[in-house]
Amino acid sequence: MKQGFRYLLKLLLVLLSPVIFYLVIALIGSTIPVNSHSTPKNTEIEIYLYKQDMHTDILLPVNTKVISWDSIFKPEHSLSNPQNSEFIGFGWGDLNFYRNTPQWEDLKLNVAFKALFLRSQSALHTRFYQKIPVSENLVKISVSEDQYKKLSEYILETVNAENKREIPPVSGLHYYRDDAFYLAKTSFNLFKTCNTWTNSALKASGLKACLWTPFPQGIFYHY
């Protein structure tokens, strides 16, 4: 009986070791700051980090001197064709996961497994906002024009749109009446999640971020 219990305990340790290792690495990566001493002048543009459950979006003004997002990700790509929106939200993830998991309670084990462990198509999710939503999971960041330009370039690079032309949306996929999806480069996996994408966007822009995180808590820890 005791020997059987020891075998069971060893089996559990073997099965749980990768999970524990992953969580420990995530914790370490989340606490190591990047760009923590960056203090640019003339931070005139306001952007927002928006956490929804285990996902983060970046909310940007639709029109600035740097870029007009509605000329690339057009309002008519959504169901309601919203006009005069002040902000547009960007989030990245696995396309199949987006298709099958509109809400976290819709999550299926096979969908999660494919997203985390199998190479698949990713997508950029955009949503227009008439005004910034009221939420305790919202962080405002003031950025310089140069930082905003780098952030814009990172987003455009995600959908291979360096030439800033109109990008065709994914047909028939919407969560809301004011959103749309676009095919993106690279593949979602265990080490590159939606939150890793957001954190990398901040790092590439010279904004505060952490070394690496698969979870939103790692990003918000530094804000």
Protein backbone atom coordinates (compact mmCIF):
# COMPACT_ATOMS: atom_id res chain seq x y z
CA MET A 1 0.00 0.00 0.00
CA LYS A 2 2.76 2.42 0.98
CA GLN A 3 4.77 1.47 -2.09
CA GLY A 4 1.76 2.12 -4.32
CA PHE A 5 1.27 5.51 -2.71
CA ARG A 6 4.93 6.39 -3.35
CA TYR A 7 4.59 5.44 -7.01
CA LEU A 8 1.45 7.58 -7.30
CA LEU A 9 3.22 10.51 -5.64
CA LYS A 10 6.17 10.21 -8.02
CA LEU A 11 3.80 10.07 -10.99
CA LEU A 12 2.03 13.22 -9.83
CA LEU A 13 5.38 15.00 -9.40
CA VAL A 14 6.42 14.01 -12.92
CA LEU A 15 3.13 15.26 -14.36
CA LEU A 16 3.12 18.49 -12.37
CA SER A 17 6.79 19.38 -12.76
CA PRO A 18 6.40 21.04 -16.20
CA VAL A 19 3.44 23.07 -14.93
CA ILE A 20 5.33 24.17 -11.81
CA PHE A 21 8.40 25.04 -13.89
CA TYR A 22 6.27 27.09 -16.31
CA LEU A 23 4.62 29.02 -13.48
CA VAL A 24 7.95 29.69 -11.76
CA ILE A 25 9.51 30.99 -15.00
CA ALA A 26 6.41 33.14 -15.58
CA LEU A 27 6.70 34.57 -12.07
CA ILE A 28 10.40 35.36 -12.49
CA GLY A 29 9.91 36.86 -15.95
CA SER A 30 6.98 38.96 -14.74
CA THR A 31 8.94 40.57 -11.92
CA ILE A 32 11.98 41.55 -14.00
CA PRO A 33 11.38 45.09 -15.34
CA VAL A 34 12.21 46.31 -18.83
CA ASN A 35 12.45 50.00 -19.81
CA SER A 36 11.78 50.92 -16.19
CA HIS A 37 14.00 54.00 -16.38
CA SER A 38 12.56 55.30 -19.65
CA THR A 39 11.36 58.90 -19.12
CA PRO A 40 10.71 60.50 -22.51
CA LYS A 41 9.72 64.13 -22.87
CA ASN A 42 6.55 65.46 -24.51
CA THR A 43 4.30 62.51 -23.63
CA GLU A 44 1.26 63.99 -25.33
CA ILE A 45 -0.56 60.86 -26.49
CA GLU A 46 -2.72 58.84 -24.09
CA ILE A 47 -3.14 55.10 -24.57
CA TYR A 48 -4.71 52.46 -22.33
CA LEU A 49 -4.12 48.88 -21.23
CA TYR A 50 -7.39 47.03 -20.82
CA LYS A 51 -7.61 43.67 -19.02
CA GLN A 52 -10.61 41.42 -19.63
CA ASP A 53 -10.45 38.13 -17.75
CA MET A 54 -7.10 36.59 -18.81
CA HIS A 55 -6.68 38.75 -21.92
CA THR A 56 -5.22 42.23 -22.46
CA ASP A 57 -5.94 44.78 -25.17
CA ILE A 58 -4.16 48.00 -26.06
CA LEU A 59 -6.52 50.94 -26.66
CA LEU A 60 -5.20 53.67 -28.94
CA PRO A 61 -6.64 56.95 -30.26
CA VAL A 62 -8.09 56.40 -33.72
CA ASN A 63 -6.54 59.52 -35.22
CA THR A 64 -3.21 61.18 -34.39
CA LYS A 65 -0.43 62.87 -36.36
CA VAL A 66 1.31 59.50 -36.42
CA ILE A 67 -1.45 57.36 -37.94
CA SER A 68 -5.18 57.17 -38.70
CA TRP A 69 -6.19 53.63 -37.81
CA ASP A 70 -9.60 53.82 -39.46
CA SER A 71 -7.93 54.15 -42.87
CA ILE A 72 -6.38 50.69 -42.39
CA PHE A 73 -8.81 48.81 -40.13
CA LYS A 74 -11.97 50.32 -41.53
CA PRO A 75 -15.19 50.78 -39.50
CA GLU A 76 -17.19 49.15 -42.30
CA HIS A 77 -15.37 45.89 -41.57
CA SER A 78 -17.52 45.65 -38.43
CA LEU A 79 -21.25 44.93 -38.33
CA SER A 80 -22.36 48.41 -37.21
CA ASN A 81 -19.88 50.58 -39.17
CA PRO A 82 -19.28 52.91 -36.19
CA GLN A 83 -18.43 56.52 -37.03
CA ASN A 84 -16.40 59.10 -35.09
CA SER A 85 -14.93 56.54 -32.69
CA GLU A 86 -12.29 58.00 -30.40
CA PHE A 87 -10.35 54.81 -29.67
CA ILE A 88 -9.59 51.46 -31.25
CA GLY A 89 -8.59 48.37 -29.26
CA PHE A 90 -6.00 45.83 -30.39
CA GLY A 91 -5.53 42.30 -29.11
CA TRP A 92 -3.81 39.25 -30.56
CA GLY A 93 -4.48 35.54 -30.26
CA ASP A 94 -5.09 32.18 -31.88
CA LEU A 95 -7.70 32.35 -34.65
CA ASN A 96 -9.27 28.96 -33.87
CA PHE A 97 -9.43 29.93 -30.18
CA TYR A 98 -11.16 33.19 -31.13
CA ARG A 99 -13.66 31.31 -33.30
CA ASN A 100 -14.60 28.82 -30.61
CA THR A 101 -14.24 30.80 -27.38
CA PRO A 102 -16.22 34.07 -27.46
CA GLN A 103 -16.50 33.83 -23.65
CA TRP A 104 -14.16 32.10 -21.20
CA GLU A 105 -17.00 29.82 -20.11
CA ASP A 106 -17.04 28.51 -23.71
CA LEU A 107 -13.47 27.21 -23.38
CA LYS A 108 -13.00 23.61 -24.52
CA LEU A 109 -9.99 21.49 -23.63
CA ASN A 110 -9.24 20.47 -27.22
CA VAL A 111 -9.35 24.11 -28.40
CA ALA A 112 -6.97 25.19 -25.63
CA PHE A 113 -4.62 22.27 -26.35
CA LYS A 114 -4.41 23.11 -30.06
CA ALA A 115 -3.75 26.78 -29.31
CA LEU A 116 -1.01 26.07 -26.77
CA PHE A 117 0.81 23.16 -28.37
CA LEU A 118 0.08 23.06 -32.13
CA ARG A 119 1.15 25.54 -34.78
CA SER A 120 -1.87 27.42 -36.10
CA GLN A 121 -3.08 30.67 -37.63
CA SER A 122 -3.18 33.73 -35.37
CA ALA A 123 -5.37 36.82 -35.64
CA LEU A 124 -5.47 40.47 -34.60
CA HIS A 125 -8.73 41.53 -32.97
CA THR A 126 -9.80 45.16 -33.28
CA ARG A 127 -12.70 46.99 -31.68
CA PHE A 128 -13.85 50.59 -32.01
CA TYR A 129 -14.81 52.57 -28.91
CA GLN A 130 -16.84 55.79 -28.90
CA LYS A 131 -15.21 56.51 -25.55
CA ILE A 132 -12.95 54.74 -23.11
CA PRO A 133 -14.89 52.09 -21.13
CA VAL A 134 -15.29 52.53 -17.40
CA SER A 135 -13.39 49.70 -15.71
CA GLU A 136 -11.10 49.11 -12.76
CA ASN A 137 -9.00 46.95 -15.12
CA LEU A 138 -7.93 49.94 -17.18
CA VAL A 139 -4.56 51.70 -17.01
CA LYS A 140 -3.79 55.00 -18.75
CA ILE A 141 -0.27 55.54 -20.11
CA SER A 142 1.08 58.81 -21.51
CA VAL A 143 3.50 58.20 -24.37
CA SER A 144 5.67 60.29 -26.65
CA GLU A 145 5.15 60.56 -30.38
CA ASP A 146 8.22 58.40 -30.98
CA GLN A 147 6.96 55.69 -28.61
CA TYR A 148 3.55 55.77 -30.27
CA LYS A 149 5.15 55.45 -33.70
CA LYS A 150 7.09 52.37 -32.57
CA LEU A 151 3.92 50.89 -31.07
CA SER A 152 2.04 51.51 -34.33
CA GLU A 153 4.82 49.84 -36.31
CA TYR A 154 4.68 46.81 -34.01
CA ILE A 155 0.93 46.42 -34.58
CA LEU A 156 1.24 46.85 -38.34
CA GLU A 157 4.06 44.32 -38.41
CA THR A 158 1.74 41.84 -36.68
CA VAL A 159 -0.53 41.82 -39.75
CA ASN A 160 2.30 42.42 -42.23
CA ALA A 161 0.95 45.87 -43.07
CA GLU A 162 4.06 48.01 -43.19
CA ASN A 163 2.71 49.76 -46.26
CA LYS A 164 -0.32 50.92 -44.23
CA ARG A 165 -2.86 49.84 -46.81
CA GLU A 166 -6.31 48.56 -45.99
CA ILE A 167 -6.25 45.06 -44.50
CA PRO A 168 -9.05 42.60 -45.40
CA PRO A 169 -10.94 41.25 -42.37
CA VAL A 170 -11.68 37.64 -41.50
CA SER A 171 -15.10 37.02 -42.97
CA GLY A 172 -18.01 36.29 -40.65
CA LEU A 173 -16.13 36.50 -37.34
CA HIS A 174 -17.29 39.07 -34.78
CA TYR A 175 -17.69 39.22 -31.01
CA TYR A 176 -19.48 42.57 -31.00
CA ARG A 177 -21.13 44.85 -33.53
CA ASP A 178 -18.14 47.20 -33.59
CA ASP A 179 -15.23 44.75 -33.96
CA ALA A 180 -13.37 42.76 -36.61
CA PHE A 181 -10.58 40.20 -36.92
CA TYR A 182 -7.56 40.15 -39.24
CA LEU A 183 -5.12 37.38 -40.12
CA ALA A 184 -1.81 37.86 -38.32
CA LYS A 185 1.74 36.57 -38.53
CA THR A 186 3.38 34.08 -36.15
CA SER A 187 1.59 31.42 -34.14
CA PHE A 188 0.08 31.46 -30.67
CA ASN A 189 1.72 28.97 -28.31
CA LEU A 190 2.53 28.22 -24.70
CA PHE A 191 5.31 30.81 -24.67
CA LYS A 192 3.68 33.43 -26.89
CA THR A 193 0.23 34.23 -25.60
CA CYS A 194 -2.06 37.22 -26.07
CA ASN A 195 -0.44 38.83 -23.03
CA THR A 196 3.06 38.09 -24.31
CA TRP A 197 2.08 39.98 -27.48
CA THR A 198 0.93 42.99 -25.47
CA ASN A 199 4.02 42.94 -23.29
CA SER A 200 6.24 42.71 -26.39
CA ALA A 201 4.41 45.68 -27.88
CA LEU A 202 5.24 47.73 -24.79
CA LYS A 203 8.87 46.62 -24.86
CA ALA A 204 9.24 47.43 -28.56
CA SER A 205 7.83 50.91 -27.90
CA GLY A 206 10.26 51.68 -25.09
CA LEU A 207 7.48 51.56 -22.49
CA LYS A 208 7.55 49.85 -19.12
CA ALA A 209 7.13 46.11 -19.40
CA CYS A 210 8.40 42.88 -17.92
CA LEU A 211 10.97 40.50 -19.34
CA TRP A 212 8.35 37.87 -20.25
CA THR A 213 4.86 36.95 -19.15
CA PRO A 214 2.06 34.72 -20.44
CA PHE A 215 -0.44 36.32 -18.02
CA PRO A 216 -1.97 39.82 -17.72
CA GLN A 217 -0.84 40.10 -14.08
CA GLY A 218 2.78 40.32 -15.22
CA ILE A 219 2.00 43.40 -17.31
CA PHE A 220 -0.19 45.16 -14.75
CA TYR A 221 2.36 44.50 -12.00
CA HIS A 222 4.53 47.20 -13.55
CA TYR A 223 1.67 49.70 -13.82
